[in-house]
Amino acid sequence: MDQQRASQRYEETWLAFTEELKSNPTVTLRAICKKLHTNQDSMSKWASRHGYSVSRCKASLSQKTSAPSSSFVRIEPKDQPVQHKASVLAGVNITFSSGTTISIKQGDADSIIRLVNLYERKEDESCIL
């Protein structure tokens, strides 16, 4: 397949994915690629090269259409800027044994440790921050 036709197919596949995502937030890019007979690995590489991200797309869509009954809470940063200290960490990704992944843009080490401890606590333990 020549470069221009491939790029056009990937663009159409991405648009189909974003449209399907509006009505089905659990849809995967893999499912759309399979439906449209597009190679998923090549599609993923193309999306990455063009700055497209499935997780960012899903996140931006969920923010626009977030339902009030969501079981997830968005943690907003404080109004004050984070002071630059030795304990400030940036770009932290934590994957728990349950498979849950948390991405933290910036935070101090103590707060991140408290967040991990809060997440890992047992159901009957009290929540003290």
Protein backbone atom coordinates (compact mmCIF):
# COMPACT_ATOMS: atom_id res chain seq x y z
CA MET A 1 0.00 0.00 0.00
CA ASP A 2 1.50 3.36 -0.94
CA GLN A 3 2.19 5.95 1.76
CA GLN A 4 -0.64 8.32 0.84
CA ARG A 5 -3.31 5.61 0.74
CA ALA A 6 -2.07 4.16 4.05
CA SER A 7 -2.14 7.58 5.70
CA GLN A 8 -5.67 8.16 4.40
CA ARG A 9 -6.80 4.76 5.73
CA TYR A 10 -5.29 5.49 9.16
CA GLU A 11 -6.97 8.92 9.26
CA GLU A 12 -10.34 7.35 8.38
CA THR A 13 -9.81 4.63 10.99
CA TRP A 14 -8.97 7.23 13.65
CA LEU A 15 -12.06 9.28 12.78
CA ALA A 16 -14.21 6.13 12.94
CA PHE A 17 -12.69 5.34 16.34
CA THR A 18 -13.43 8.81 17.74
CA GLU A 19 -17.00 8.72 16.41
CA GLU A 20 -17.63 5.26 17.89
CA LEU A 21 -16.09 6.41 21.17
CA LYS A 22 -18.83 9.04 21.56
CA SER A 23 -21.53 6.38 21.74
CA ASN A 24 -19.43 3.52 23.15
CA PRO A 25 -16.76 4.66 25.65
CA THR A 26 -15.43 1.11 26.03
CA VAL A 27 -14.57 0.68 22.34
CA THR A 28 -10.95 -0.11 21.56
CA LEU A 29 -8.82 1.02 18.66
CA ARG A 30 -8.05 -2.65 18.04
CA ALA A 31 -11.77 -3.39 17.53
CA ILE A 32 -12.15 -0.54 15.03
CA CYS A 33 -8.99 -1.60 13.18
CA LYS A 34 -10.34 -5.14 12.92
CA LYS A 35 -13.73 -3.88 11.72
CA LEU A 36 -12.14 -1.69 9.04
CA HIS A 37 -9.45 -4.23 8.07
CA THR A 38 -6.61 -1.94 9.16
CA ASN A 39 -3.34 -3.30 10.58
CA GLN A 40 -3.46 -2.38 14.26
CA ASP A 41 0.32 -2.21 14.83
CA SER A 42 0.85 0.09 11.85
CA MET A 43 -2.17 2.16 12.93
CA SER A 44 -0.74 2.57 16.45
CA LYS A 45 2.63 3.68 15.06
CA TRP A 46 0.92 6.16 12.73
CA ALA A 47 -1.19 7.55 15.59
CA SER A 48 1.88 7.97 17.76
CA ARG A 49 3.80 9.75 14.99
CA HIS A 50 0.88 12.13 14.47
CA GLY A 51 0.40 12.87 18.18
CA TYR A 52 -2.83 10.90 18.58
CA SER A 53 -3.34 9.05 21.86
CA VAL A 54 -6.20 6.68 22.69
CA SER A 55 -5.95 7.44 26.40
CA ARG A 56 -5.95 11.23 25.83
CA CYS A 57 -8.87 10.91 23.42
CA LYS A 58 -10.88 8.86 25.91
CA ALA A 59 -9.97 11.20 28.76
CA SER A 60 -10.97 14.34 26.88
CA LEU A 61 -14.23 12.77 25.80
CA SER A 62 -15.04 11.58 29.32
CA GLN A 63 -14.42 15.09 30.68
CA LYS A 64 -16.86 16.55 28.13
CA THR A 65 -19.55 13.95 28.83
CA SER A 66 -18.79 12.99 32.42
CA ALA A 67 -21.84 11.67 34.20
CA PRO A 68 -22.53 12.82 37.75
CA SER A 69 -22.87 9.19 38.85
CA SER A 70 -19.23 8.42 38.03
CA SER A 71 -17.35 6.42 40.64
CA PHE A 72 -14.13 8.27 39.81
CA VAL A 73 -13.13 11.57 41.35
CA ARG A 74 -10.95 14.02 39.48
CA ILE A 75 -8.24 15.36 41.78
CA GLU A 76 -7.62 19.01 41.00
CA PRO A 77 -4.30 20.68 41.85
CA LYS A 78 -4.16 23.42 44.45
CA ASP A 79 -4.36 27.00 43.18
CA GLN A 80 -0.88 27.70 44.50
CA PRO A 81 2.01 26.63 42.30
CA VAL A 82 4.05 23.68 43.51
CA GLN A 83 7.26 24.91 45.08
CA HIS A 84 10.39 23.39 43.64
CA LYS A 85 11.94 21.24 46.31
CA ALA A 86 14.15 18.21 46.19
CA SER A 87 11.14 15.99 46.98
CA VAL A 88 9.03 17.13 43.99
CA LEU A 89 8.54 14.36 41.44
CA ALA A 90 7.22 14.78 37.90
CA GLY A 91 5.83 12.29 35.39
CA VAL A 92 5.16 9.51 37.90
CA ASN A 93 3.23 6.42 36.75
CA ILE A 94 2.16 3.89 39.37
CA THR A 95 0.68 0.50 38.50
CA PHE A 96 -0.89 -1.36 41.40
CA SER A 97 -1.16 -5.14 41.68
CA SER A 98 -4.87 -4.83 40.77
CA GLY A 99 -3.86 -3.47 37.36
CA THR A 100 -4.94 0.09 38.12
CA THR A 101 -2.51 2.68 36.76
CA ILE A 102 -2.26 6.23 38.06
CA SER A 103 -0.36 8.96 36.22
CA ILE A 104 0.75 11.95 38.25
CA LYS A 105 2.04 15.03 36.43
CA GLN A 106 3.73 16.53 39.47
CA GLY A 107 3.64 15.98 43.22
CA ASP A 108 5.84 15.83 46.25
CA ALA A 109 7.16 12.46 47.39
CA ASP A 110 5.28 12.47 50.73
CA SER A 111 1.91 13.05 49.04
CA ILE A 112 2.53 10.30 46.50
CA ILE A 113 3.45 7.87 49.27
CA ARG A 114 0.27 8.82 51.16
CA LEU A 115 -1.77 8.24 47.99
CA VAL A 116 -0.25 4.78 47.52
CA ASN A 117 -0.89 3.91 51.17
CA LEU A 118 -4.48 5.14 50.87
CA TYR A 119 -5.07 3.02 47.76
CA GLU A 120 -3.49 -0.09 49.28
CA ARG A 121 -5.35 0.10 52.62
CA LYS A 122 -7.86 -2.58 53.60
CA GLU A 123 -11.60 -1.87 53.38
CA ASP A 124 -12.12 -1.87 57.15
CA GLU A 125 -9.23 0.54 57.86
CA SER A 126 -9.99 4.21 58.42
CA CYS A 127 -8.87 6.79 55.90
CA ILE A 128 -6.55 9.33 57.51
CA LEU A 129 -4.55 11.74 55.35
